Amino acid sequence: MYMYLPIALTSVNYLLVIALGLSVGLLSGLFGVGGGFLMTPLLMMIGIPPTIAAATDANQIVAASSSGMFTHWRLGNVDYKMGIYLLIGGFMGGAAGVQVIKLLSATGGADFLIKMTYVVMLGLVGSFMFVESLVAMKKSKSGKPTASAAATKKGGIMSLLPLQTYFEKSGVTFSGLVPFGLGVFVGILAAIMGVGGGFLMVPIMIYMLRMPMHVVVGTSLFQILFTCIEVTFLQAYYNRTVDFILALLLLIGSVFGAQIGAMLGKKLHGEQLKILLSIIVLAVTVKLVFDLVLQPANLLSYAGGH
C-alpha cells in the first residue's frame, strides 16, 4: 500500500495519491481549471515538501489538462486564436517564474507569503463568483434578461489598447495584449505555486472578457496544458524538484477524472458550474486560513511553549 518517493524522500499510500489525482482531474474536466490550487495543499497535508509538491503538481496538471482538453477539442470548445496569445504569455511567465522560485526559496517568509497570496486571491475570486452566480440564477428564474456572454462593451480602457483583435470562436473583440498579459501572470503562478492558473483565468475570461462558458473551459485547458509542460521541464532541469513517481501516480487518477468531469460538465448549466467552482474555491480558502491561524500554536507546542 505504501511506496517510497526518491525525490520527496518520504513514503505515501499510493491508492490515496491516485484518489487525489482522480479528484483533481475531475475538477479539470468539469471547470477548466488545472486543480493545482487544491492539489498542492493536499500533497503538503500528506507529508510532501512544499517545493516538491508545487513542481510535481505542475507535472500532474499536464495529464489532467491534456485529457480534458482532448475531450473539449472534440466538442469544438477551444478558441485557438485566444489560446495562442495566452500561450505566448504563459511561456514567458513560466520561464521567469522558475528563476523567481530560487529567490523565494532563499527567503524565510516565502511559505507564509505564498499562503497569504492564495488566501487573498481565492477569497476574492470565490466570493465574487458565488455572489454573481446567485444573482444571475435569480434573474433567470424571474425572467429578467441577463448579459450575453458575447455582448462585450467596446468602451472602457480595453478599447484604447493597441492590437484590437476579433476572436471569432468566442465572439468578442479586445486587445491581444489582454490575453498575453493574463498568460504571463498565469505562467508565473504555475512555476511558483504549482497551479495551472485556471482558478483565476476562468473567472476573468467569463466576467471580464465575456467569453461563453463552454469556450472558456476548453481554451483555459489548452493554455494550461502547454504552459505546465514548459514549467515541468524547467523545474526538473534547474531545480530538481519534480518527483516523477509521485507524478505518475497522480497522472493515473487525473486522466480518468478529467474524462468524467468533461462528460458531467455537459449535463450542467453554466451558472451551476460557476457556483460549484466558487464553493470549492471558498472551501480551500477556509482551509488555508485555518492553517495560517493554527500553525503558530502548533510550533509553540513542538517547542514546549504554552
Foldseek 3Di string as FASTA:
>chain_A
DWDAFPQQRDIDDLVVLLVLLQVQLLCLLQQLWLSLLPQLVVVVVRPGDNLLSQLQLLLLSLLSLVLSLVVLVVVVQAQVVLLVLLQLLLQQLQVVLLVVLVVLVVDPCSVVVVLVVLLVVLVVLLVVLQVVLVVVVVCVVVVHDDDALLPDDCDDDQVVDPQWDQRVSQNHIGHSVVSSNVSNVQNNCCQNRNTLCLSPQLSCCCPVRSGDSSNSSNSSSSNSNNSSVSNSVSCCVPVVSHRVVSSVSSSNSSSVSSVVNNVVNVVDDPSVSSNVSSVVSVVSSVVSVCCVVCVVVVVCVVVVHD
